[in-house]
PDB file of N, CA and C in Angstrom:
ATOM      1  N   MET A   1      93.211  81.659  72.207  1.00  0.00           N
ATOM      2  CA  MET A   1      92.379  82.733  72.720  1.00  0.00           C
ATOM      3  C   MET A   1      91.621  83.374  71.563  1.00  0.00           C
ATOM      4  N   THR A   2      90.376  83.696  71.784  1.00  0.00           N
ATOM      5  CA  THR A   2      89.525  84.290  70.765  1.00  0.00           C
ATOM      6  C   THR A   2      89.342  85.772  71.046  1.00  0.00           C
ATOM      7  N   ALA A   3      89.569  86.597  70.023  1.00  0.00           N
ATOM      8  CA  ALA A   3      89.339  88.040  70.162  1.00  0.00           C
ATOM      9  C   ALA A   3      87.858  88.322  70.001  1.00  0.00           C
ATOM     10  N   ARG A   4      87.360  89.228  70.785  1.00  0.00           N
ATOM     11  CA  ARG A   4      85.951  89.610  70.731  1.00  0.00           C
ATOM     12  C   ARG A   4      85.836  91.082  70.391  1.00  0.00           C
ATOM     13  N   GLY A   5      84.859  91.408  69.533  1.00  0.00           N
ATOM     14  CA  GLY A   5      84.606  92.787  69.165  1.00  0.00           C
ATOM     15  C   GLY A   5      83.803  93.502  70.232  1.00  0.00           C
ATOM     16  N   ALA A   6      83.467  94.751  69.955  1.00  0.00           N
ATOM     17  CA  ALA A   6      82.739  95.589  70.908  1.00  0.00           C
ATOM     18  C   ALA A   6      81.390  94.988  71.289  1.00  0.00           C
ATOM     19  N   GLN A   7      80.755  94.263  70.355  1.00  0.00           N
ATOM     20  CA  GLN A   7      79.461  93.653  70.625  1.00  0.00           C
ATOM     21  C   GLN A   7      79.602  92.188  71.047  1.00  0.00           C
ATOM     22  N   GLY A   8      80.831  91.749  71.330  1.00  0.00           N
ATOM     23  CA  GLY A   8      81.049  90.387  71.776  1.00  0.00           C
ATOM     24  C   GLY A   8      81.226  89.382  70.652  1.00  0.00           C
ATOM     25  N   ASN A   9      81.228  89.843  69.403  1.00  0.00           N
ATOM     26  CA  ASN A   9      81.369  88.941  68.268  1.00  0.00           C
ATOM     27  C   ASN A   9      82.831  88.561  68.063  1.00  0.00           C
ATOM     28  N   GLU A  10      83.055  87.326  67.592  1.00  0.00           N
ATOM     29  CA  GLU A  10      84.416  86.871  67.326  1.00  0.00           C
ATOM     30  C   GLU A  10      84.925  87.523  66.050  1.00  0.00           C
ATOM     31  N   VAL A  11      86.167  87.969  66.059  1.00  0.00           N
ATOM     32  CA  VAL A  11      86.761  88.630  64.907  1.00  0.00           C
ATOM     33  C   VAL A  11      87.900  87.757  64.400  1.00  0.00           C
ATOM     34  N   VAL A  12      87.793  87.313  63.138  1.00  0.00           N
ATOM     35  CA  VAL A  12      88.806  86.453  62.548  1.00  0.00           C
ATOM     36  C   VAL A  12      89.403  87.150  61.341  1.00  0.00           C
ATOM     37  N   GLY A  13      90.727  87.228  61.281  1.00  0.00           N
ATOM     38  CA  GLY A  13      91.411  87.851  60.152  1.00  0.00           C
ATOM     39  C   GLY A  13      91.422  86.931  58.951  1.00  0.00           C
ATOM     40  N   PRO A  14      91.812  87.429  57.776  1.00  0.00           N
ATOM     41  CA  PRO A  14      91.778  86.650  56.540  1.00  0.00           C
ATOM     42  C   PRO A  14      92.716  85.449  56.546  1.00  0.00           C
ATOM     43  N   LEU A  15      93.764  85.476  57.360  1.00  0.00           N
ATOM     44  CA  LEU A  15      94.716  84.365  57.400  1.00  0.00           C
ATOM     45  C   LEU A  15      94.585  83.526  58.661  1.00  0.00           C
ATOM     46  N   GLY A  16      93.533  83.733  59.410  1.00  0.00           N
ATOM     47  CA  GLY A  16      93.294  82.913  60.571  1.00  0.00           C
ATOM     48  C   GLY A  16      93.479  83.565  61.922  1.00  0.00           C
ATOM     49  N   PRO A  17      94.501  84.416  62.136  1.00  0.00           N
ATOM     50  CA  PRO A  17      94.647  85.000  63.477  1.00  0.00           C
ATOM     51  C   PRO A  17      93.490  85.931  63.791  1.00  0.00           C
ATOM     52  N   THR A  18      93.241  86.116  65.047  1.00  0.00           N
ATOM     53  CA  THR A  18      92.133  86.984  65.453  1.00  0.00           C
ATOM     54  C   THR A  18      92.645  88.374  65.811  1.00  0.00           C
ATOM     55  N   TYR A  19      91.805  89.357  65.591  1.00  0.00           N
ATOM     56  CA  TYR A  19      92.121  90.753  65.867  1.00  0.00           C
ATOM     57  C   TYR A  19      90.960  91.368  66.622  1.00  0.00           C
ATOM     58  N   PRO A  20      91.232  92.265  67.542  1.00  0.00           N
ATOM     59  CA  PRO A  20      90.122  92.920  68.235  1.00  0.00           C
ATOM     60  C   PRO A  20      89.391  93.877  67.296  1.00  0.00           C
ATOM     61  N   ALA A  21      88.081  93.886  67.382  1.00  0.00           N
ATOM     62  CA  ALA A  21      87.288  94.822  66.579  1.00  0.00           C
ATOM     63  C   ALA A  21      87.430  96.217  67.183  1.00  0.00           C
ATOM     64  N   ILE A  22      87.546  97.208  66.325  1.00  0.00           N
ATOM     65  CA  ILE A  22      87.651  98.591  66.779  1.00  0.00           C
ATOM     66  C   ILE A  22      86.414  99.330  66.290  1.00  0.00           C
ATOM     67  N   SER A  23      85.705  99.960  67.190  1.00  0.00           N
ATOM     68  CA  SER A  23      84.476 100.657  66.820  1.00  0.00           C
ATOM     69  C   SER A  23      84.789 101.867  65.944  1.00  0.00           C
ATOM     70  N   PHE A  24      83.795 102.302  65.184  1.00  0.00           N
ATOM     71  CA  PHE A  24      83.937 103.480  64.335  1.00  0.00           C
ATOM     72  C   PHE A  24      84.319 104.699  65.175  1.00  0.00           C
ATOM     73  N   GLU A  25      83.672 104.837  66.325  1.00  0.00           N
ATOM     74  CA  GLU A  25      83.937 105.984  67.191  1.00  0.00           C
ATOM     75  C   GLU A  25      85.393 105.999  67.659  1.00  0.00           C
ATOM     76  N   THR A  26      85.925 104.828  68.006  1.00  0.00           N
ATOM     77  CA  THR A  26      87.316 104.741  68.440  1.00  0.00           C
ATOM     78  C   THR A  26      88.255 105.089  67.298  1.00  0.00           C
ATOM     79  N   ARG A  27      87.959 104.593  66.097  1.00  0.00           N
ATOM     80  CA  ARG A  27      88.791 104.919  64.944  1.00  0.00           C
ATOM     81  C   ARG A  27      88.766 106.418  64.657  1.00  0.00           C
ATOM     82  N   MET A  28      87.623 107.047  64.808  1.00  0.00           N
ATOM     83  CA  MET A  28      87.504 108.476  64.522  1.00  0.00           C
ATOM     84  C   MET A  28      88.244 109.330  65.554  1.00  0.00           C
ATOM     85  N   ASP A  29      88.541 108.772  66.725  1.00  0.00           N
ATOM     86  CA  ASP A  29      89.339 109.505  67.711  1.00  0.00           C
ATOM     87  C   ASP A  29      90.737 109.802  67.193  1.00  0.00           C
ATOM     88  N   SER A  30      91.196 109.023  66.206  1.00  0.00           N
ATOM     89  CA  SER A  30      92.545 109.213  65.665  1.00  0.00           C
ATOM     90  C   SER A  30      92.550 110.066  64.397  1.00  0.00           C
ATOM     91  N   VAL A  31      91.427 110.704  64.089  1.00  0.00           N
ATOM     92  CA  VAL A  31      91.308 111.523  62.884  1.00  0.00           C
ATOM     93  C   VAL A  31      91.313 112.999  63.263  1.00  0.00           C
ATOM     94  N   GLU A  32      92.069 113.762  62.504  1.00  0.00           N
ATOM     95  CA  GLU A  32      92.127 115.213  62.710  1.00  0.00           C
ATOM     96  C   GLU A  32      91.748 115.891  61.394  1.00  0.00           C
ATOM     97  N   PHE A  33      90.902 116.904  61.459  1.00  0.00           N
ATOM     98  CA  PHE A  33      90.513 117.654  60.273  1.00  0.00           C
ATOM     99  C   PHE A  33      91.168 119.030  60.328  1.00  0.00           C
ATOM    100  N   ARG A  34      92.075 119.282  59.412  1.00  0.00           N
ATOM    101  CA  ARG A  34      92.732 120.587  59.308  1.00  0.00           C
ATOM    102  C   ARG A  34      92.020 121.361  58.204  1.00  0.00           C
ATOM    103  N   VAL A  35      91.061 122.150  58.604  1.00  0.00           N
ATOM    104  CA  VAL A  35      90.144 122.797  57.669  1.00  0.00           C
ATOM    105  C   VAL A  35      90.748 124.072  57.095  1.00  0.00           C
ATOM    106  N   HIS A  36      90.720 124.177  55.779  1.00  0.00           N
ATOM    107  CA  HIS A  36      91.151 125.390  55.083  1.00  0.00           C
ATOM    108  C   HIS A  36      89.921 126.276  54.912  1.00  0.00           C
ATOM    109  N   GLU A  37      90.115 127.577  54.874  1.00  0.00           N
ATOM    110  CA  GLU A  37      88.977 128.502  54.727  1.00  0.00           C
ATOM    111  C   GLU A  37      88.303 128.370  53.368  1.00  0.00           C
ATOM    112  N   ARG A  38      89.041 127.914  52.352  1.00  0.00           N
ATOM    113  CA  ARG A  38      88.456 127.713  51.028  1.00  0.00           C
ATOM    114  C   ARG A  38      88.078 126.237  50.874  1.00  0.00           C
ATOM    115  N   PRO A  39      86.806 125.940  50.614  1.00  0.00           N
ATOM    116  CA  PRO A  39      86.382 124.541  50.511  1.00  0.00           C
ATOM    117  C   PRO A  39      87.016 123.823  49.322  1.00  0.00           C
ATOM    118  N   HIS A  40      87.328 122.550  49.517  1.00  0.00           N
ATOM    119  CA  HIS A  40      87.863 121.738  48.425  1.00  0.00           C
ATOM    120  C   HIS A  40      86.747 121.057  47.636  1.00  0.00           C
ATOM    121  N   ILE A  41      85.541 121.137  48.153  1.00  0.00           N
ATOM    122  CA  ILE A  41      84.360 120.643  47.445  1.00  0.00           C
ATOM    123  C   ILE A  41      83.332 121.761  47.446  1.00  0.00           C
ATOM    124  N   VAL A  42      82.799 122.039  46.264  1.00  0.00           N
ATOM    125  CA  VAL A  42      81.749 123.045  46.135  1.00  0.00           C
ATOM    126  C   VAL A  42      80.559 122.373  45.469  1.00  0.00           C
ATOM    127  N   VAL A  43      79.396 122.517  46.076  1.00  0.00           N
ATOM    128  CA  VAL A  43      78.167 121.921  45.557  1.00  0.00           C
ATOM    129  C   VAL A  43      77.293 123.035  45.003  1.00  0.00           C
ATOM    130  N   ASP A  44      76.900 122.897  43.730  1.00  0.00           N
ATOM    131  CA  ASP A  44      76.015 123.873  43.087  1.00  0.00           C
ATOM    132  C   ASP A  44      74.575 123.454  43.358  1.00  0.00           C
ATOM    133  N   ASP A  45      73.972 124.089  44.328  1.00  0.00           N
ATOM    134  CA  ASP A  45      72.629 123.742  44.776  1.00  0.00           C
ATOM    135  C   ASP A  45      71.583 123.872  43.671  1.00  0.00           C
ATOM    136  N   THR A  46      71.775 124.787  42.736  1.00  0.00           N
ATOM    137  CA  THR A  46      70.784 124.954  41.660  1.00  0.00           C
ATOM    138  C   THR A  46      70.769 123.738  40.738  1.00  0.00           C
ATOM    139  N   ILE A  47      71.925 123.147  40.485  1.00  0.00           N
ATOM    140  CA  ILE A  47      71.979 121.930  39.664  1.00  0.00           C
ATOM    141  C   ILE A  47      71.426 120.746  40.449  1.00  0.00           C
ATOM    142  N   CYS A  48      71.738 120.673  41.736  1.00  0.00           N
ATOM    143  CA  CYS A  48      71.284 119.557  42.575  1.00  0.00           C
ATOM    144  C   CYS A  48      69.760 119.464  42.651  1.00  0.00           C
ATOM    145  N   ARG A  49      69.083 120.577  42.554  1.00  0.00           N
ATOM    146  CA  ARG A  49      67.624 120.571  42.656  1.00  0.00           C
ATOM    147  C   ARG A  49      66.962 119.773  41.533  1.00  0.00           C
ATOM    148  N   ASP A  50      67.640 119.652  40.389  1.00  0.00           N
ATOM    149  CA  ASP A  50      67.084 118.898  39.268  1.00  0.00           C
ATOM    150  C   ASP A  50      67.426 117.412  39.330  1.00  0.00           C
ATOM    151  N   CYS A  51      68.233 117.013  40.297  1.00  0.00           N
ATOM    152  CA  CYS A  51      68.682 115.625  40.398  1.00  0.00           C
ATOM    153  C   CYS A  51      67.615 114.762  41.065  1.00  0.00           C
ATOM    154  N   SER A  52      67.287 113.651  40.428  1.00  0.00           N
ATOM    155  CA  SER A  52      66.317 112.730  41.018  1.00  0.00           C
ATOM    156  C   SER A  52      67.004 111.561  41.721  1.00  0.00           C
ATOM    157  N   VAL A  53      68.286 111.336  41.435  1.00  0.00           N
ATOM    158  CA  VAL A  53      69.013 110.193  41.996  1.00  0.00           C
ATOM    159  C   VAL A  53      69.584 110.502  43.378  1.00  0.00           C
ATOM    160  N   ARG A  54      70.278 111.624  43.499  1.00  0.00           N
ATOM    161  CA  ARG A  54      70.891 112.070  44.749  1.00  0.00           C
ATOM    162  C   ARG A  54      71.790 111.006  45.382  1.00  0.00           C
ATOM    163  N   GLY A  55      72.643 110.428  44.557  1.00  0.00           N
ATOM    164  CA  GLY A  55      73.563 109.398  45.011  1.00  0.00           C
ATOM    165  C   GLY A  55      74.534 109.879  46.065  1.00  0.00           C
ATOM    166  N   CYS A  56      74.849 111.167  46.051  1.00  0.00           N
ATOM    167  CA  CYS A  56      75.797 111.718  47.030  1.00  0.00           C
ATOM    168  C   CYS A  56      75.302 111.531  48.461  1.00  0.00           C
ATOM    169  N   ILE A  57      73.992 111.581  48.658  1.00  0.00           N
ATOM    170  CA  ILE A  57      73.425 111.469  50.003  1.00  0.00           C
ATOM    171  C   ILE A  57      73.699 110.091  50.592  1.00  0.00           C
ATOM    172  N   THR A  58      73.509 109.054  49.795  1.00  0.00           N
ATOM    173  CA  THR A  58      73.708 107.696  50.303  1.00  0.00           C
ATOM    174  C   THR A  58      75.147 107.217  50.189  1.00  0.00           C
ATOM    175  N   ALA A  59      75.926 107.774  49.259  1.00  0.00           N
ATOM    176  CA  ALA A  59      77.285 107.276  49.021  1.00  0.00           C
ATOM    177  C   ALA A  59      78.340 107.889  49.930  1.00  0.00           C
ATOM    178  N   CYS A  60      78.132 109.075  50.421  1.00  0.00           N
ATOM    179  CA  CYS A  60      79.150 109.757  51.234  1.00  0.00           C
ATOM    180  C   CYS A  60      79.380 108.995  52.543  1.00  0.00           C
ATOM    181  N   PRO A  61      80.604 108.463  52.761  1.00  0.00           N
ATOM    182  CA  PRO A  61      80.848 107.701  53.990  1.00  0.00           C
ATOM    183  C   PRO A  61      80.831 108.557  55.255  1.00  0.00           C
ATOM    184  N   ALA A  62      80.968 109.863  55.116  1.00  0.00           N
ATOM    185  CA  ALA A  62      80.938 110.760  56.276  1.00  0.00           C
ATOM    186  C   ALA A  62      79.554 111.366  56.488  1.00  0.00           C
ATOM    187  N   ASN A  63      78.586 111.020  55.634  1.00  0.00           N
ATOM    188  CA  ASN A  63      77.210 111.536  55.725  1.00  0.00           C
ATOM    189  C   ASN A  63      77.163 113.058  55.747  1.00  0.00           C
ATOM    190  N   LEU A  64      77.877 113.684  54.809  1.00  0.00           N
ATOM    191  CA  LEU A  64      77.965 115.143  54.788  1.00  0.00           C
ATOM    192  C   LEU A  64      76.949 115.814  53.873  1.00  0.00           C
ATOM    193  N   PHE A  65      76.194 115.050  53.101  1.00  0.00           N
ATOM    194  CA  PHE A  65      75.188 115.614  52.203  1.00  0.00           C
ATOM    195  C   PHE A  65      73.817 115.426  52.840  1.00  0.00           C
ATOM    196  N   ILE A  66      73.136 116.532  53.101  1.00  0.00           N
ATOM    197  CA  ILE A  66      71.840 116.507  53.777  1.00  0.00           C
ATOM    198  C   ILE A  66      70.791 117.137  52.864  1.00  0.00           C
ATOM    199  N   PRO A  67      69.718 116.388  52.533  1.00  0.00           N
ATOM    200  CA  PRO A  67      68.658 116.988  51.716  1.00  0.00           C
ATOM    201  C   PRO A  67      67.880 118.019  52.534  1.00  0.00           C
ATOM    202  N   THR A  68      67.521 119.121  51.892  1.00  0.00           N
ATOM    203  CA  THR A  68      66.735 120.155  52.566  1.00  0.00           C
ATOM    204  C   THR A  68      65.279 120.052  52.135  1.00  0.00           C
ATOM    205  N   SER A  69      64.394 120.615  52.921  1.00  0.00           N
ATOM    206  CA  SER A  69      62.958 120.513  52.641  1.00  0.00           C
ATOM    207  C   SER A  69      62.559 121.225  51.351  1.00  0.00           C
ATOM    208  N   ASP A  70      63.382 122.172  50.886  1.00  0.00           N
ATOM    209  CA  ASP A  70      63.049 122.892  49.654  1.00  0.00           C
ATOM    210  C   ASP A  70      63.667 122.248  48.406  1.00  0.00           C
ATOM    211  N   GLY A  71      64.209 121.023  48.545  1.00  0.00           N
ATOM    212  CA  GLY A  71      64.748 120.312  47.388  1.00  0.00           C
ATOM    213  C   GLY A  71      66.231 120.492  47.161  1.00  0.00           C
ATOM    214  N   GLY A  72      66.878 121.266  47.992  1.00  0.00           N
ATOM    215  CA  GLY A  72      68.313 121.495  47.842  1.00  0.00           C
ATOM    216  C   GLY A  72      69.143 120.492  48.621  1.00  0.00           C
ATOM    217  N   ILE A  73      70.431 120.744  48.643  1.00  0.00           N
ATOM    218  CA  ILE A  73      71.382 119.905  49.369  1.00  0.00           C
ATOM    219  C   ILE A  73      72.219 120.803  50.273  1.00  0.00           C
ATOM    220  N   LEU A  74      72.302 120.443  51.530  1.00  0.00           N
ATOM    221  CA  LEU A  74      73.178 121.121  52.470  1.00  0.00           C
ATOM    222  C   LEU A  74      74.446 120.286  52.563  1.00  0.00           C
ATOM    223  N   PHE A  75      75.608 120.913  52.397  1.00  0.00           N
ATOM    224  CA  PHE A  75      76.873 120.189  52.426  1.00  0.00           C
ATOM    225  C   PHE A  75      77.872 120.917  53.304  1.00  0.00           C
ATOM    226  N   ASN A  76      78.538 120.173  54.182  1.00  0.00           N
ATOM    227  CA  ASN A  76      79.585 120.721  55.042  1.00  0.00           C
ATOM    228  C   ASN A  76      80.884 119.994  54.736  1.00  0.00           C
ATOM    229  N   TYR A  77      81.847 120.696  54.169  1.00  0.00           N
ATOM    230  CA  TYR A  77      83.104 120.076  53.756  1.00  0.00           C
ATOM    231  C   TYR A  77      84.089 119.857  54.904  1.00  0.00           C
ATOM    232  N   GLU A  78      83.834 120.438  56.052  1.00  0.00           N
ATOM    233  CA  GLU A  78      84.816 120.460  57.135  1.00  0.00           C
ATOM    234  C   GLU A  78      85.222 119.085  57.650  1.00  0.00           C
ATOM    235  N   GLN A  79      84.361 118.078  57.549  1.00  0.00           N
ATOM    236  CA  GLN A  79      84.703 116.740  58.040  1.00  0.00           C
ATOM    237  C   GLN A  79      84.744 115.719  56.905  1.00  0.00           C
ATOM    238  N   CYS A  80      85.129 116.180  55.733  1.00  0.00           N
ATOM    239  CA  CYS A  80      85.213 115.328  54.545  1.00  0.00           C
ATOM    240  C   CYS A  80      86.420 114.398  54.631  1.00  0.00           C
ATOM    241  N   PHE A  81      86.246 113.131  54.221  1.00  0.00           N
ATOM    242  CA  PHE A  81      87.332 112.145  54.194  1.00  0.00           C
ATOM    243  C   PHE A  81      88.184 112.258  52.931  1.00  0.00           C
ATOM    244  N   GLU A  82      87.784 113.127  51.991  1.00  0.00           N
ATOM    245  CA  GLU A  82      88.516 113.357  50.737  1.00  0.00           C
ATOM    246  C   GLU A  82      88.584 112.118  49.849  1.00  0.00           C
ATOM    247  N   CYS A  83      87.556 111.290  49.885  1.00  0.00           N
ATOM    248  CA  CYS A  83      87.574 110.059  49.093  1.00  0.00           C
ATOM    249  C   CYS A  83      87.125 110.286  47.651  1.00  0.00           C
ATOM    250  N   GLY A  84      86.366 111.352  47.392  1.00  0.00           N
ATOM    251  CA  GLY A  84      85.904 111.650  46.043  1.00  0.00           C
ATOM    252  C   GLY A  84      84.675 110.875  45.617  1.00  0.00           C
ATOM    253  N   THR A  85      84.084 110.111  46.513  1.00  0.00           N
ATOM    254  CA  THR A  85      82.912 109.303  46.172  1.00  0.00           C
ATOM    255  C   THR A  85      81.765 110.162  45.662  1.00  0.00           C
ATOM    256  N   CYS A  86      81.516 111.291  46.290  1.00  0.00           N
ATOM    257  CA  CYS A  86      80.415 112.167  45.873  1.00  0.00           C
ATOM    258  C   CYS A  86      80.589 112.597  44.421  1.00  0.00           C
ATOM    259  N   TYR A  87      81.805 112.942  44.069  1.00  0.00           N
ATOM    260  CA  TYR A  87      82.111 113.388  42.705  1.00  0.00           C
ATOM    261  C   TYR A  87      81.896 112.254  41.699  1.00  0.00           C
ATOM    262  N   LEU A  88      82.283 111.046  42.080  1.00  0.00           N
ATOM    263  CA  LEU A  88      82.159 109.896  41.180  1.00  0.00           C
ATOM    264  C   LEU A  88      80.717 109.449  40.967  1.00  0.00           C
ATOM    265  N   VAL A  89      79.882 109.525  42.002  1.00  0.00           N
ATOM    266  CA  VAL A  89      78.504 109.046  41.866  1.00  0.00           C
ATOM    267  C   VAL A  89      77.542 110.109  41.348  1.00  0.00           C
ATOM    268  N   CYS A  90      77.960 111.357  41.316  1.00  0.00           N
ATOM    269  CA  CYS A  90      77.078 112.439  40.873  1.00  0.00           C
ATOM    270  C   CYS A  90      76.797 112.314  39.379  1.00  0.00           C
ATOM    271  N   ASN A  91      75.517 112.301  39.020  1.00  0.00           N
ATOM    272  CA  ASN A  91      75.154 112.191  37.600  1.00  0.00           C
ATOM    273  C   ASN A  91      74.696 113.519  36.999  1.00  0.00           C
ATOM    274  N   GLU A  92      74.845 114.608  37.738  1.00  0.00           N
ATOM    275  CA  GLU A  92      74.501 115.937  37.244  1.00  0.00           C
ATOM    276  C   GLU A  92      75.796 116.703  36.970  1.00  0.00           C
ATOM    277  N   GLU A  93      76.156 116.851  35.720  1.00  0.00           N
ATOM    278  CA  GLU A  93      77.421 117.491  35.362  1.00  0.00           C
ATOM    279  C   GLU A  93      77.522 118.902  35.941  1.00  0.00           C
ATOM    280  N   GLY A  94      78.627 119.158  36.616  1.00  0.00           N
ATOM    281  CA  GLY A  94      78.876 120.474  37.189  1.00  0.00           C
ATOM    282  C   GLY A  94      78.286 120.698  38.564  1.00  0.00           C
ATOM    283  N   ALA A  95      77.559 119.718  39.090  1.00  0.00           N
ATOM    284  CA  ALA A  95      76.935 119.902  40.403  1.00  0.00           C
ATOM    285  C   ALA A  95      77.961 119.892  41.530  1.00  0.00           C
ATOM    286  N   ILE A  96      79.015 119.079  41.372  1.00  0.00           N
ATOM    287  CA  ILE A  96      80.043 118.986  42.402  1.00  0.00           C
ATOM    288  C   ILE A  96      81.402 119.289  41.788  1.00  0.00           C
ATOM    289  N   SER A  97      82.074 120.271  42.342  1.00  0.00           N
ATOM    290  CA  SER A  97      83.458 120.567  41.968  1.00  0.00           C
ATOM    291  C   SER A  97      84.325 120.049  43.102  1.00  0.00           C
ATOM    292  N   TRP A  98      85.280 119.186  42.778  1.00  0.00           N
ATOM    293  CA  TRP A  98      86.077 118.520  43.804  1.00  0.00           C
ATOM    294  C   TRP A  98      87.554 118.630  43.493  1.00  0.00           C
ATOM    295  N   SER A  99      88.352 118.914  44.507  1.00  0.00           N
ATOM    296  CA  SER A  99      89.809 118.897  44.389  1.00  0.00           C
ATOM    297  C   SER A  99      90.372 118.590  45.771  1.00  0.00           C
ATOM    298  N   TYR A 100      91.645 118.249  45.826  1.00  0.00           N
ATOM    299  CA  TYR A 100      92.256 118.031  47.138  1.00  0.00           C
ATOM    300  C   TYR A 100      92.416 119.371  47.843  1.00  0.00           C
ATOM    301  N   PRO A 101      92.369 119.377  49.185  1.00  0.00           N
ATOM    302  CA  PRO A 101      92.582 120.620  49.923  1.00  0.00           C
ATOM    303  C   PRO A 101      94.000 121.149  49.728  1.00  0.00           C
ATOM    304  N   GLU A 102      94.183 122.415  50.040  1.00  0.00           N
ATOM    305  CA  GLU A 102      95.508 123.032  49.998  1.00  0.00           C
ATOM    306  C   GLU A 102      96.467 122.230  50.876  1.00  0.00           C
ATOM    307  N   GLY A 103      97.747 122.241  50.528  1.00  0.00           N
ATOM    308  CA  GLY A 103      98.761 121.525  51.298  1.00  0.00           C
ATOM    309  C   GLY A 103      98.725 121.877  52.776  1.00  0.00           C
ATOM    310  N   GLY A 104      98.861 120.862  53.612  1.00  0.00           N
ATOM    311  CA  GLY A 104      98.827 121.069  55.059  1.00  0.00           C
ATOM    312  C   GLY A 104      97.426 121.077  55.637  1.00  0.00           C
ATOM    313  N   HIS A 105      96.415 120.925  54.777  1.00  0.00           N
ATOM    314  CA  HIS A 105      95.023 120.926  55.226  1.00  0.00           C
ATOM    315  C   HIS A 105      94.355 119.618  54.819  1.00  0.00           C
ATOM    316  N   GLY A 106      93.184 119.380  55.381  1.00  0.00           N
ATOM    317  CA  GLY A 106      92.417 118.184  55.056  1.00  0.00           C
ATOM    318  C   GLY A 106      92.392 117.200  56.211  1.00  0.00           C
ATOM    319  N   VAL A 107      92.038 115.971  55.888  1.00  0.00           N
ATOM    320  CA  VAL A 107      91.916 114.934  56.908  1.00  0.00           C
ATOM    321  C   VAL A 107      93.284 114.307  57.162  1.00  0.00           C
ATOM    322  N   VAL A 108      93.568 114.072  58.450  1.00  0.00           N
ATOM    323  CA  VAL A 108      94.830 113.450  58.856  1.00  0.00           C
ATOM    324  C   VAL A 108      94.485 112.276  59.763  1.00  0.00           C
ATOM    325  N   PHE A 109      94.977 111.090  59.398  1.00  0.00           N
ATOM    326  CA  PHE A 109      94.747 109.894  60.202  1.00  0.00           C
ATOM    327  C   PHE A 109      95.998 109.608  61.028  1.00  0.00           C
ATOM    328  N   HIS A 110      95.832 109.476  62.336  1.00  0.00           N
ATOM    329  CA  HIS A 110      96.947 109.181  63.238  1.00  0.00           C
ATOM    330  C   HIS A 110      96.863 107.720  63.655  1.00  0.00           C
ATOM    331  N   SER A 111      97.973 107.034  63.656  1.00  0.00           N
ATOM    332  CA  SER A 111      97.971 105.655  64.143  1.00  0.00           C
ATOM    333  C   SER A 111      98.318 105.656  65.622  1.00  0.00           C
ATOM    334  N   SER A 112      97.764 104.670  66.302  1.00  0.00           N
ATOM    335  CA  SER A 112      98.010 104.614  67.755  1.00  0.00           C
ATOM    336  C   SER A 112      99.107 103.645  68.088  1.00  0.00           C
TER     337      SER A 112
END
């Protein structure tokens, strides 16, 4: 029997057995965000305005960095995956301050 993904494509695992494809939306149904009032990521908009690369916009897997019409960056930490990618790709020193959220807060992945 062949497993088919959401778009009807065959899904083959690395060792040969087939697995059903799970859509991004379905996977996100098992994610819970326990938001702390103090952000674990702070973006300094004044430093970001001088950045010509803006790697955070394209690198963030949650698409949380939004360019504004005045050259700034709008950032919402509430649905952050806590991967640290934005911090790693940022080439403007001090533009992004990143740390893990306070204990008991942050992203929680539930298995089904």
